[in-house]
């Protein structure tokens, strides 16, 4: 069986940097998202409890960063031009301090020890990806599928299609775990069993494992 785990909010804390970033920039949340080109965040970035309509044709700065169309450095250059606020520091990287969920890590290890293939399927940007790599966070997985390297972000169905193709796995033989309901719904439309993450214990119980 192939298990696909989201990273932020599942394997690690969400490590939300936006509140501190807004304070540093001296901007409101509304103004920040307006400059980025999206009203209240987008489908790949933001509070998992806030449902944002997915638009596959969206080219806001956050989606472009998550899809790997621009780097974090390019994000800040465009952001500075649009806002008039000069930003020389990549705050996406330096404010990002995720904490590993030890119970989820234990579940991932247990699944792998049971002979399953366990991969990470994450919406991320180059700064956060680099941070996780430096810390060795992805080392618990057999493989990592990062949106900024894949050229597509959840909940675009192509995200899972790429993973299934690379893993040579049928949808019926895959399980997806994510803290965002709309991502799970999108994966389910492909025939992938999906579990909305609330806690590692809850997911383990759903999968028939004990932590």
N, C-alpha and C. Protein backbone atom coordinates (compact mmCIF):
# COMPACT_ATOMS: atom_id res chain seq x y z
N UNK A 1 0.84 -1.20 0.00
CA UNK A 1 0.00 0.00 0.00
C UNK A 1 0.87 1.25 0.00
N UNK A 2 0.43 2.26 -0.73
CA UNK A 2 1.13 3.54 -0.76
C UNK A 2 0.41 4.53 0.14
N UNK A 3 1.14 5.11 1.09
CA UNK A 3 0.59 6.13 1.98
C UNK A 3 1.23 7.48 1.64
N UNK A 4 0.39 8.48 1.42
CA UNK A 4 0.86 9.82 1.07
C UNK A 4 0.51 10.77 2.21
N UNK A 5 1.52 11.28 2.88
CA UNK A 5 1.31 12.18 4.02
C UNK A 5 1.61 13.63 3.64
N UNK A 6 0.71 14.52 4.02
CA UNK A 6 0.99 15.95 3.94
C UNK A 6 2.07 16.25 4.99
N UNK A 7 2.74 17.38 4.86
CA UNK A 7 3.79 17.74 5.82
C UNK A 7 3.28 18.70 6.90
N UNK A 8 3.08 19.98 6.54
CA UNK A 8 2.65 20.97 7.51
C UNK A 8 1.26 20.71 8.06
N UNK A 9 1.15 20.66 9.38
CA UNK A 9 -0.12 20.39 10.02
C UNK A 9 -0.39 18.92 10.23
N UNK A 10 0.50 18.07 9.71
CA UNK A 10 0.34 16.61 9.86
C UNK A 10 1.61 16.03 10.47
N UNK A 11 2.72 16.13 9.75
CA UNK A 11 4.00 15.62 10.26
C UNK A 11 4.69 16.68 11.11
N UNK A 12 4.46 17.94 10.77
CA UNK A 12 5.00 19.04 11.58
C UNK A 12 3.87 19.99 11.95
N UNK A 13 4.15 20.90 12.87
CA UNK A 13 3.21 21.96 13.19
C UNK A 13 3.06 22.83 11.95
N UNK A 14 1.98 23.58 11.87
CA UNK A 14 1.77 24.42 10.70
C UNK A 14 2.81 25.53 10.59
N UNK A 15 3.43 25.88 11.70
CA UNK A 15 4.52 26.89 11.71
C UNK A 15 4.12 28.14 10.94
N UNK A 16 2.96 28.67 11.27
CA UNK A 16 2.46 29.86 10.58
C UNK A 16 3.37 31.05 10.80
N UNK A 17 3.88 31.59 9.72
CA UNK A 17 4.80 32.72 9.82
C UNK A 17 4.09 34.05 9.56
N UNK A 18 2.88 33.99 9.03
CA UNK A 18 2.21 35.21 8.57
C UNK A 18 2.01 36.28 9.65
N UNK A 19 1.54 35.94 10.86
CA UNK A 19 1.34 36.99 11.87
C UNK A 19 2.62 37.79 12.16
N UNK A 20 3.74 37.10 12.32
CA UNK A 20 5.00 37.79 12.60
C UNK A 20 5.47 38.58 11.38
N UNK A 21 5.26 37.99 10.20
CA UNK A 21 5.66 38.66 8.97
C UNK A 21 4.89 39.97 8.77
N UNK A 22 3.59 39.92 9.03
CA UNK A 22 2.76 41.12 8.88
C UNK A 22 3.23 42.23 9.81
N UNK A 23 3.61 41.84 11.02
CA UNK A 23 4.10 42.82 11.99
C UNK A 23 5.39 43.46 11.50
N UNK A 24 6.28 42.65 10.95
CA UNK A 24 7.55 43.16 10.44
C UNK A 24 7.32 44.08 9.24
N UNK A 25 6.39 43.68 8.37
CA UNK A 25 6.11 44.46 7.16
C UNK A 25 5.25 45.69 7.45
N UNK A 26 4.58 45.68 8.61
CA UNK A 26 3.68 46.78 8.94
C UNK A 26 2.45 46.79 8.07
N UNK A 27 1.94 45.58 7.77
CA UNK A 27 0.79 45.46 6.87
C UNK A 27 -0.32 44.67 7.54
N UNK A 28 -1.54 44.88 7.07
CA UNK A 28 -2.67 44.08 7.53
C UNK A 28 -2.72 42.80 6.70
N UNK A 29 -3.42 41.80 7.22
CA UNK A 29 -3.59 40.54 6.50
C UNK A 29 -4.26 40.79 5.14
N UNK A 30 -5.28 41.64 5.16
CA UNK A 30 -6.02 41.95 3.93
C UNK A 30 -5.11 42.58 2.88
N UNK A 31 -4.28 43.54 3.30
CA UNK A 31 -3.38 44.21 2.35
C UNK A 31 -2.34 43.24 1.81
N UNK A 32 -1.85 42.35 2.68
CA UNK A 32 -0.84 41.38 2.24
C UNK A 32 -1.39 40.50 1.13
N UNK A 33 -2.57 39.92 1.35
CA UNK A 33 -3.16 39.04 0.35
C UNK A 33 -3.56 39.82 -0.91
N UNK A 34 -3.96 41.07 -0.74
CA UNK A 34 -4.31 41.89 -1.91
C UNK A 34 -3.08 42.09 -2.79
N UNK A 35 -1.94 42.39 -2.16
CA UNK A 35 -0.70 42.57 -2.91
C UNK A 35 -0.30 41.27 -3.60
N UNK A 36 -0.54 40.15 -2.92
CA UNK A 36 -0.21 38.85 -3.50
C UNK A 36 -1.13 38.49 -4.67
N UNK A 37 -2.29 39.15 -4.72
CA UNK A 37 -3.21 38.89 -5.82
C UNK A 37 -4.31 37.92 -5.50
N UNK A 38 -4.53 37.68 -4.21
CA UNK A 38 -5.62 36.78 -3.80
C UNK A 38 -6.35 37.42 -2.62
N UNK A 39 -7.65 37.31 -2.62
CA UNK A 39 -8.47 38.04 -1.65
C UNK A 39 -8.20 37.66 -0.20
N UNK A 40 -8.28 36.36 0.12
CA UNK A 40 -8.15 35.92 1.52
C UNK A 40 -7.27 34.68 1.63
N UNK A 41 -6.15 34.72 0.95
CA UNK A 41 -5.33 33.52 0.92
C UNK A 41 -5.73 32.70 -0.30
N UNK A 42 -5.11 31.55 -0.48
CA UNK A 42 -5.48 30.71 -1.60
C UNK A 42 -5.62 29.27 -1.15
N UNK A 43 -5.92 28.39 -2.09
CA UNK A 43 -6.23 27.01 -1.72
C UNK A 43 -5.02 26.23 -1.23
N UNK A 44 -3.82 26.72 -1.50
CA UNK A 44 -2.63 25.98 -1.09
C UNK A 44 -1.91 26.60 0.10
N UNK A 45 -2.40 27.76 0.56
CA UNK A 45 -1.75 28.41 1.68
C UNK A 45 -2.79 29.08 2.56
N UNK A 46 -2.71 28.85 3.84
CA UNK A 46 -3.63 29.50 4.76
C UNK A 46 -4.16 28.56 5.82
N UNK A 47 -5.10 29.04 6.60
CA UNK A 47 -5.70 28.27 7.68
C UNK A 47 -6.44 27.06 7.11
N UNK A 48 -6.12 25.83 7.57
CA UNK A 48 -6.80 24.64 7.05
C UNK A 48 -8.29 24.63 7.31
N UNK A 49 -8.76 25.44 8.27
CA UNK A 49 -10.18 25.48 8.59
C UNK A 49 -10.93 26.46 7.69
N UNK A 50 -10.19 27.26 6.92
CA UNK A 50 -10.83 28.22 6.02
C UNK A 50 -10.86 27.63 4.61
N UNK A 51 -12.06 27.45 4.11
CA UNK A 51 -12.21 26.86 2.79
C UNK A 51 -12.12 27.95 1.73
N UNK A 52 -11.14 27.85 0.85
CA UNK A 52 -10.94 28.83 -0.21
C UNK A 52 -11.17 28.15 -1.54
N UNK A 53 -11.93 28.78 -2.40
CA UNK A 53 -12.25 28.19 -3.70
C UNK A 53 -10.98 27.96 -4.52
N UNK A 54 -10.86 26.76 -5.08
CA UNK A 54 -9.68 26.44 -5.89
C UNK A 54 -9.87 26.94 -7.32
N UNK A 55 -8.88 27.60 -7.85
CA UNK A 55 -8.91 28.09 -9.22
C UNK A 55 -7.63 27.65 -9.90
N UNK A 56 -7.75 26.68 -10.81
CA UNK A 56 -6.55 26.14 -11.45
C UNK A 56 -5.83 27.17 -12.32
N UNK A 57 -6.53 28.26 -12.66
CA UNK A 57 -5.93 29.29 -13.50
C UNK A 57 -5.40 30.48 -12.69
N UNK A 58 -5.42 30.34 -11.36
CA UNK A 58 -4.97 31.43 -10.51
C UNK A 58 -3.46 31.62 -10.63
N UNK A 59 -3.05 32.87 -10.70
CA UNK A 59 -1.62 33.15 -10.77
C UNK A 59 -1.25 34.21 -9.74
N UNK A 60 -1.80 34.03 -8.52
CA UNK A 60 -1.39 34.90 -7.44
C UNK A 60 0.03 34.51 -7.02
N UNK A 61 0.71 35.38 -6.33
CA UNK A 61 2.11 35.14 -5.98
C UNK A 61 2.30 33.88 -5.14
N UNK A 62 1.35 33.61 -4.24
CA UNK A 62 1.47 32.44 -3.37
C UNK A 62 1.37 31.15 -4.17
N UNK A 63 0.41 31.10 -5.10
CA UNK A 63 0.27 29.91 -5.93
C UNK A 63 1.49 29.74 -6.83
N UNK A 64 1.97 30.84 -7.39
CA UNK A 64 3.13 30.77 -8.27
C UNK A 64 4.35 30.26 -7.52
N UNK A 65 4.49 30.65 -6.25
CA UNK A 65 5.60 30.19 -5.42
C UNK A 65 5.44 28.70 -5.12
N UNK A 66 4.21 28.31 -4.76
CA UNK A 66 3.94 26.92 -4.42
C UNK A 66 4.11 26.00 -5.63
N UNK A 67 3.78 26.52 -6.81
CA UNK A 67 3.93 25.73 -8.04
C UNK A 67 5.36 25.77 -8.59
N UNK A 68 6.22 26.54 -7.94
CA UNK A 68 7.61 26.62 -8.39
C UNK A 68 7.82 27.50 -9.61
N UNK A 69 6.81 28.32 -9.95
CA UNK A 69 6.95 29.21 -11.10
C UNK A 69 7.86 30.39 -10.78
N UNK A 70 7.90 30.76 -9.50
CA UNK A 70 8.83 31.79 -9.03
C UNK A 70 9.47 31.30 -7.74
N UNK A 71 10.65 31.81 -7.43
CA UNK A 71 11.32 31.48 -6.18
C UNK A 71 10.88 32.46 -5.09
N UNK A 72 11.25 32.18 -3.87
CA UNK A 72 10.95 33.10 -2.78
C UNK A 72 11.60 34.46 -3.02
N UNK A 73 12.81 34.44 -3.57
CA UNK A 73 13.51 35.69 -3.86
C UNK A 73 12.72 36.51 -4.87
N UNK A 74 12.19 35.83 -5.89
CA UNK A 74 11.39 36.52 -6.91
C UNK A 74 10.07 37.00 -6.32
N UNK A 75 9.52 36.20 -5.39
CA UNK A 75 8.28 36.61 -4.71
C UNK A 75 8.47 37.96 -4.06
N UNK A 76 9.56 38.11 -3.29
CA UNK A 76 9.78 39.36 -2.56
C UNK A 76 10.10 40.52 -3.49
N UNK A 77 10.75 40.24 -4.61
CA UNK A 77 11.02 41.32 -5.58
C UNK A 77 9.70 41.86 -6.14
N UNK A 78 8.82 40.95 -6.56
CA UNK A 78 7.53 41.37 -7.12
C UNK A 78 6.67 42.02 -6.04
N UNK A 79 6.70 41.43 -4.84
CA UNK A 79 5.92 41.96 -3.72
C UNK A 79 6.35 43.39 -3.41
N UNK A 80 7.65 43.63 -3.41
CA UNK A 80 8.18 44.97 -3.12
C UNK A 80 7.74 45.97 -4.18
N UNK A 81 7.77 45.54 -5.45
CA UNK A 81 7.36 46.42 -6.54
C UNK A 81 5.88 46.78 -6.42
N UNK A 82 5.06 45.80 -6.07
CA UNK A 82 3.62 46.02 -6.00
C UNK A 82 3.22 46.86 -4.78
N UNK A 83 3.88 46.60 -3.67
CA UNK A 83 3.45 47.22 -2.41
C UNK A 83 4.15 48.53 -2.09
N UNK A 84 5.34 48.71 -2.66
CA UNK A 84 6.13 49.89 -2.32
C UNK A 84 6.91 49.69 -1.03
N UNK A 85 6.80 48.49 -0.44
CA UNK A 85 7.54 48.14 0.78
C UNK A 85 8.77 47.34 0.37
N UNK A 86 9.94 47.88 0.58
CA UNK A 86 11.17 47.20 0.17
C UNK A 86 11.50 46.06 1.14
N UNK A 87 11.54 44.84 0.61
CA UNK A 87 11.84 43.66 1.43
C UNK A 87 13.09 42.99 0.87
N UNK A 88 14.17 43.01 1.63
CA UNK A 88 15.44 42.42 1.21
C UNK A 88 15.68 41.06 1.85
N UNK A 89 14.91 40.76 2.89
CA UNK A 89 15.10 39.51 3.65
C UNK A 89 14.01 38.50 3.30
N UNK A 90 14.40 37.25 3.13
CA UNK A 90 13.42 36.21 2.85
C UNK A 90 12.79 35.75 4.15
N UNK A 91 11.75 36.46 4.55
CA UNK A 91 11.08 36.12 5.80
C UNK A 91 10.40 34.77 5.76
N UNK A 92 10.07 34.26 4.57
CA UNK A 92 9.49 32.92 4.48
C UNK A 92 10.44 31.90 5.10
N UNK A 93 11.72 32.08 4.91
CA UNK A 93 12.69 31.12 5.45
C UNK A 93 13.03 31.40 6.91
N UNK A 94 13.32 32.63 7.25
CA UNK A 94 13.88 32.91 8.57
C UNK A 94 12.85 32.91 9.69
N UNK A 95 11.57 32.99 9.36
CA UNK A 95 10.53 32.91 10.39
C UNK A 95 9.92 31.51 10.48
N UNK A 96 10.41 30.60 9.66
CA UNK A 96 9.83 29.26 9.56
C UNK A 96 10.53 28.29 10.50
N UNK A 97 9.84 27.90 11.58
CA UNK A 97 10.42 27.00 12.57
C UNK A 97 9.43 25.88 12.94
N UNK A 98 9.18 24.96 12.02
CA UNK A 98 8.21 23.89 12.29
C UNK A 98 8.71 22.92 13.35
N UNK A 99 7.77 22.31 14.04
CA UNK A 99 8.09 21.33 15.08
C UNK A 99 7.51 19.98 14.67
N UNK A 100 8.32 18.94 14.74
CA UNK A 100 7.87 17.61 14.34
C UNK A 100 6.82 17.07 15.31
N UNK A 101 5.79 16.45 14.75
CA UNK A 101 4.77 15.76 15.54
C UNK A 101 5.29 14.34 15.77
N UNK A 102 5.78 14.06 16.96
CA UNK A 102 6.44 12.78 17.22
C UNK A 102 5.50 11.59 17.04
N UNK A 103 4.22 11.79 17.30
CA UNK A 103 3.26 10.69 17.13
C UNK A 103 3.06 10.37 15.65
N UNK A 104 3.01 11.39 14.81
CA UNK A 104 2.89 11.15 13.37
C UNK A 104 4.15 10.49 12.84
N UNK A 105 5.30 10.94 13.31
CA UNK A 105 6.57 10.33 12.90
C UNK A 105 6.58 8.85 13.27
N UNK A 106 6.09 8.53 14.45
CA UNK A 106 6.03 7.13 14.90
C UNK A 106 5.12 6.32 13.99
N UNK A 107 4.01 6.91 13.56
CA UNK A 107 3.07 6.22 12.67
C UNK A 107 3.71 5.96 11.30
N UNK A 108 4.40 6.96 10.78
CA UNK A 108 5.09 6.80 9.49
C UNK A 108 6.09 5.66 9.57
N UNK A 109 6.86 5.63 10.64
CA UNK A 109 7.87 4.57 10.81
C UNK A 109 7.21 3.20 10.93
N UNK A 110 6.08 3.14 11.65
CA UNK A 110 5.38 1.87 11.82
C UNK A 110 4.83 1.36 10.49
N UNK A 111 4.31 2.26 9.69
CA UNK A 111 3.78 1.88 8.38
C UNK A 111 4.89 1.35 7.49
N UNK A 112 6.04 2.00 7.51
CA UNK A 112 7.17 1.55 6.69
C UNK A 112 7.70 0.21 7.18
N UNK A 113 7.77 0.05 8.49
CA UNK A 113 8.24 -1.22 9.06
C UNK A 113 7.31 -2.37 8.71
N UNK A 114 6.06 -2.04 8.42
CA UNK A 114 5.07 -3.07 8.06
C UNK A 114 5.11 -3.39 6.57
N UNK A 115 6.09 -2.81 5.87
CA UNK A 115 6.27 -3.14 4.46
C UNK A 115 5.57 -2.23 3.48
N UNK A 116 5.04 -1.12 3.97
CA UNK A 116 4.34 -0.18 3.10
C UNK A 116 5.30 0.88 2.55
N UNK A 117 4.92 1.47 1.46
CA UNK A 117 5.65 2.58 0.88
C UNK A 117 5.01 3.86 1.42
N UNK A 118 5.79 4.72 2.06
CA UNK A 118 5.25 5.94 2.66
C UNK A 118 5.99 7.15 2.10
N UNK A 119 5.24 8.06 1.47
CA UNK A 119 5.85 9.23 0.86
C UNK A 119 5.21 10.50 1.41
N UNK A 120 5.88 11.61 1.17
CA UNK A 120 5.36 12.92 1.57
C UNK A 120 4.85 13.62 0.32
N UNK A 121 3.63 14.15 0.39
CA UNK A 121 3.05 14.93 -0.70
C UNK A 121 2.70 16.29 -0.16
N UNK A 122 3.52 17.30 -0.44
CA UNK A 122 3.40 18.58 0.25
C UNK A 122 3.34 19.79 -0.67
N UNK A 123 2.46 20.72 -0.33
CA UNK A 123 2.50 22.05 -0.94
C UNK A 123 3.55 22.85 -0.20
N UNK A 124 4.54 23.33 -0.91
CA UNK A 124 5.61 24.07 -0.23
C UNK A 124 6.24 25.07 -1.19
N UNK A 125 7.14 25.86 -0.66
CA UNK A 125 7.89 26.82 -1.47
C UNK A 125 9.37 26.53 -1.27
N UNK A 126 10.21 27.08 -2.11
CA UNK A 126 11.62 26.71 -2.06
C UNK A 126 12.27 27.00 -0.71
N UNK A 127 11.90 28.10 -0.07
CA UNK A 127 12.49 28.43 1.24
C UNK A 127 12.13 27.40 2.29
N UNK A 128 10.87 27.00 2.32
CA UNK A 128 10.43 26.01 3.31
C UNK A 128 10.99 24.63 2.99
N UNK A 129 11.04 24.29 1.71
CA UNK A 129 11.60 23.00 1.29
C UNK A 129 13.06 22.91 1.72
N UNK A 130 13.79 23.97 1.49
CA UNK A 130 15.21 24.01 1.87
C UNK A 130 15.36 23.87 3.38
N UNK A 131 14.50 24.53 4.13
CA UNK A 131 14.53 24.46 5.59
C UNK A 131 14.32 23.03 6.07
N UNK A 132 13.30 22.37 5.51
CA UNK A 132 13.02 20.98 5.90
C UNK A 132 14.18 20.06 5.54
N UNK A 133 14.79 20.30 4.39
CA UNK A 133 15.93 19.47 3.97
C UNK A 133 17.11 19.65 4.91
N UNK A 134 17.38 20.89 5.30
CA UNK A 134 18.48 21.17 6.22
C UNK A 134 18.29 20.45 7.54
N UNK A 135 17.04 20.36 7.98
CA UNK A 135 16.72 19.72 9.26
C UNK A 135 16.59 18.20 9.16
N UNK A 136 16.52 17.69 7.93
CA UNK A 136 16.37 16.25 7.74
C UNK A 136 14.96 15.75 7.97
N UNK A 137 13.97 16.66 7.90
CA UNK A 137 12.59 16.28 8.20
C UNK A 137 12.02 15.26 7.21
N UNK A 138 12.47 15.32 5.95
CA UNK A 138 11.92 14.42 4.94
C UNK A 138 12.53 13.03 5.00
N UNK A 139 13.54 12.86 5.82
CA UNK A 139 14.26 11.58 5.85
C UNK A 139 13.42 10.42 6.38
N UNK A 140 12.29 10.72 7.01
CA UNK A 140 11.44 9.64 7.53
C UNK A 140 10.65 8.98 6.41
N UNK A 141 10.64 9.59 5.22
CA UNK A 141 9.85 9.08 4.10
C UNK A 141 10.71 8.32 3.09
N UNK A 142 10.04 7.50 2.29
CA UNK A 142 10.71 6.82 1.19
C UNK A 142 11.00 7.80 0.05
N UNK A 143 10.14 8.79 -0.09
CA UNK A 143 10.27 9.77 -1.18
C UNK A 143 9.49 11.02 -0.79
N UNK A 144 9.90 12.17 -1.30
CA UNK A 144 9.17 13.41 -1.05
C UNK A 144 8.73 14.03 -2.38
N UNK A 145 7.45 14.34 -2.46
CA UNK A 145 6.88 15.01 -3.63
C UNK A 145 6.48 16.42 -3.21
N UNK A 146 7.28 17.38 -3.64
CA UNK A 146 7.08 18.78 -3.24
C UNK A 146 6.51 19.57 -4.41
N UNK A 147 5.46 20.33 -4.14
CA UNK A 147 4.75 21.06 -5.19
C UNK A 147 5.66 21.98 -5.99
N UNK A 148 6.60 22.63 -5.31
CA UNK A 148 7.46 23.59 -6.01
C UNK A 148 8.40 22.92 -7.01
N UNK A 149 8.61 21.61 -6.85
CA UNK A 149 9.43 20.85 -7.79
C UNK A 149 8.58 20.11 -8.80
N UNK A 150 7.31 19.87 -8.45
CA UNK A 150 6.39 19.15 -9.33
C UNK A 150 5.71 20.08 -10.33
N UNK A 151 5.65 21.39 -10.00
CA UNK A 151 5.00 22.34 -10.88
C UNK A 151 3.50 22.41 -10.71
N UNK A 152 2.99 21.84 -9.62
CA UNK A 152 1.55 21.84 -9.37
C UNK A 152 1.30 21.66 -7.88
N UNK A 153 0.22 22.28 -7.39
CA UNK A 153 -0.10 22.22 -5.96
C UNK A 153 -1.46 21.57 -5.73
N UNK A 154 -1.62 20.99 -4.56
CA UNK A 154 -2.95 20.54 -4.12
C UNK A 154 -3.86 21.76 -4.02
N UNK A 155 -5.14 21.67 -4.35
CA UNK A 155 -5.90 20.45 -4.67
C UNK A 155 -6.04 20.15 -6.16
N UNK A 156 -5.14 20.62 -7.00
CA UNK A 156 -5.17 20.24 -8.41
C UNK A 156 -4.98 18.73 -8.51
N UNK A 157 -5.91 18.00 -9.14
CA UNK A 157 -5.81 16.54 -9.24
C UNK A 157 -4.50 16.06 -9.85
N UNK A 158 -3.87 16.90 -10.69
CA UNK A 158 -2.61 16.50 -11.30
C UNK A 158 -1.53 16.23 -10.26
N UNK A 159 -1.66 16.85 -9.09
CA UNK A 159 -0.69 16.63 -8.01
C UNK A 159 -0.61 15.14 -7.67
N UNK A 160 -1.77 14.52 -7.47
CA UNK A 160 -1.80 13.10 -7.10
C UNK A 160 -1.53 12.20 -8.30
N UNK A 161 -1.94 12.64 -9.48
CA UNK A 161 -1.69 11.85 -10.69
C UNK A 161 -0.19 11.68 -10.91
N UNK A 162 0.56 12.74 -10.67
CA UNK A 162 2.02 12.67 -10.81
C UNK A 162 2.60 11.66 -9.83
N UNK A 163 2.13 11.72 -8.59
CA UNK A 163 2.63 10.79 -7.56
C UNK A 163 2.29 9.35 -7.92
N UNK A 164 1.05 9.11 -8.32
CA UNK A 164 0.63 7.75 -8.67
C UNK A 164 1.42 7.22 -9.86
N UNK A 165 1.68 8.09 -10.84
CA UNK A 165 2.46 7.67 -12.00
C UNK A 165 3.89 7.33 -11.60
N UNK A 166 4.50 8.21 -10.80
CA UNK A 166 5.88 7.99 -10.36
C UNK A 166 6.00 6.73 -9.51
N UNK A 167 4.98 6.46 -8.70
CA UNK A 167 5.02 5.31 -7.80
C UNK A 167 4.47 4.04 -8.44
N UNK A 168 3.98 4.18 -9.69
CA UNK A 168 3.38 3.03 -10.40
C UNK A 168 2.31 2.35 -9.54
N UNK A 169 1.41 3.19 -9.03
CA UNK A 169 0.38 2.72 -8.10
C UNK A 169 -1.00 3.13 -8.58
N UNK A 170 -1.97 2.23 -8.43
CA UNK A 170 -3.36 2.54 -8.76
C UNK A 170 -3.99 3.30 -7.60
N UNK A 171 -4.96 4.18 -7.88
CA UNK A 171 -5.61 4.95 -6.81
C UNK A 171 -6.16 4.08 -5.68
N UNK A 172 -6.69 2.93 -6.01
CA UNK A 172 -7.28 2.04 -4.99
C UNK A 172 -6.24 1.50 -4.03
N UNK A 173 -4.97 1.59 -4.41
CA UNK A 173 -3.90 1.08 -3.57
C UNK A 173 -3.15 2.20 -2.84
N UNK A 174 -3.80 3.37 -2.76
CA UNK A 174 -3.16 4.53 -2.11
C UNK A 174 -4.06 5.13 -1.04
N UNK A 175 -3.42 5.69 -0.02
CA UNK A 175 -4.12 6.38 1.06
C UNK A 175 -3.47 7.75 1.22
N UNK A 176 -4.29 8.78 1.33
CA UNK A 176 -3.79 10.15 1.45
C UNK A 176 -4.24 10.75 2.78
N UNK A 177 -3.30 11.38 3.50
CA UNK A 177 -3.60 12.01 4.80
C UNK A 177 -3.22 13.48 4.73
N UNK A 178 -4.19 14.37 5.03
CA UNK A 178 -3.96 15.82 4.95
C UNK A 178 -4.86 16.51 5.97
N UNK A 179 -4.44 17.67 6.45
CA UNK A 179 -5.27 18.40 7.42
C UNK A 179 -6.30 19.30 6.76
N UNK A 180 -6.24 19.43 5.44
CA UNK A 180 -7.21 20.26 4.73
C UNK A 180 -8.27 19.38 4.05
N UNK A 181 -9.51 19.61 4.43
CA UNK A 181 -10.61 18.81 3.91
C UNK A 181 -10.72 18.88 2.40
N UNK A 182 -10.52 20.06 1.82
CA UNK A 182 -10.68 20.18 0.37
C UNK A 182 -9.60 19.42 -0.39
N UNK A 183 -8.43 19.25 0.19
CA UNK A 183 -7.40 18.44 -0.44
C UNK A 183 -7.79 16.97 -0.43
N UNK A 184 -8.35 16.54 0.69
CA UNK A 184 -8.80 15.15 0.81
C UNK A 184 -9.95 14.87 -0.15
N UNK A 185 -10.84 15.83 -0.30
CA UNK A 185 -11.96 15.67 -1.23
C UNK A 185 -11.45 15.54 -2.66
N UNK A 186 -10.44 16.34 -3.01
CA UNK A 186 -9.89 16.30 -4.36
C UNK A 186 -9.22 14.96 -4.64
N UNK A 187 -8.48 14.44 -3.66
CA UNK A 187 -7.83 13.14 -3.83
C UNK A 187 -8.86 12.03 -3.94
N UNK A 188 -9.95 12.17 -3.20
CA UNK A 188 -11.00 11.15 -3.21
C UNK A 188 -11.66 11.02 -4.57
N UNK A 189 -11.74 12.13 -5.31
CA UNK A 189 -12.37 12.09 -6.63
C UNK A 189 -11.59 11.20 -7.59
N UNK A 190 -10.33 10.95 -7.28
CA UNK A 190 -9.50 10.07 -8.10
C UNK A 190 -9.58 8.62 -7.66
N UNK A 191 -10.31 8.37 -6.57
CA UNK A 191 -10.42 7.01 -6.06
C UNK A 191 -9.40 6.68 -4.99
N UNK A 192 -8.73 7.71 -4.47
CA UNK A 192 -7.75 7.53 -3.39
C UNK A 192 -8.46 7.63 -2.05
N UNK A 193 -8.25 6.66 -1.18
CA UNK A 193 -8.81 6.74 0.17
C UNK A 193 -8.14 7.91 0.88
N UNK A 194 -8.95 8.82 1.42
CA UNK A 194 -8.40 10.02 2.04
C UNK A 194 -8.88 10.19 3.47
N UNK A 195 -7.98 10.64 4.33
CA UNK A 195 -8.28 10.84 5.74
C UNK A 195 -7.93 12.26 6.14
N UNK A 196 -8.91 12.98 6.67
CA UNK A 196 -8.66 14.33 7.17
C UNK A 196 -7.98 14.22 8.52
N UNK A 197 -6.77 14.74 8.61
CA UNK A 197 -5.96 14.61 9.82
C UNK A 197 -6.47 15.50 10.95
N UNK A 198 -6.73 14.88 12.09
CA UNK A 198 -7.04 15.61 13.32
C UNK A 198 -5.95 15.34 14.36
N UNK A 199 -5.50 14.09 14.40
CA UNK A 199 -4.41 13.69 15.28
C UNK A 199 -3.82 12.40 14.74
N UNK A 200 -2.59 12.11 15.15
CA UNK A 200 -1.93 10.88 14.70
C UNK A 200 -2.67 9.66 15.23
N UNK A 201 -3.17 9.76 16.45
CA UNK A 201 -3.91 8.64 17.05
C UNK A 201 -5.17 8.34 16.24
N UNK A 202 -5.88 9.39 15.84
CA UNK A 202 -7.10 9.23 15.04
C UNK A 202 -6.79 8.55 13.71
N UNK A 203 -5.71 8.98 13.04
CA UNK A 203 -5.34 8.39 11.75
C UNK A 203 -4.92 6.93 11.94
N UNK A 204 -4.14 6.67 12.97
CA UNK A 204 -3.70 5.30 13.25
C UNK A 204 -4.90 4.39 13.46
N UNK A 205 -5.89 4.86 14.20
CA UNK A 205 -7.10 4.07 14.44
C UNK A 205 -7.84 3.81 13.14
N UNK A 206 -7.93 4.83 12.29
CA UNK A 206 -8.60 4.67 11.00
C UNK A 206 -7.89 3.64 10.13
N UNK A 207 -6.58 3.53 10.30
CA UNK A 207 -5.78 2.60 9.50
C UNK A 207 -5.61 1.24 10.17
N UNK A 208 -6.11 1.12 11.39
CA UNK A 208 -6.01 -0.15 12.10
C UNK A 208 -4.68 -0.39 12.77
N UNK A 209 -3.99 0.71 13.12
CA UNK A 209 -2.70 0.61 13.82
C UNK A 209 -2.83 1.20 15.22
N UNK A 210 -1.97 0.74 16.12
CA UNK A 210 -1.92 1.29 17.47
C UNK A 210 -0.62 2.06 17.66
N UNK A 211 -0.73 3.22 18.29
CA UNK A 211 0.48 4.00 18.59
C UNK A 211 0.86 3.83 20.05
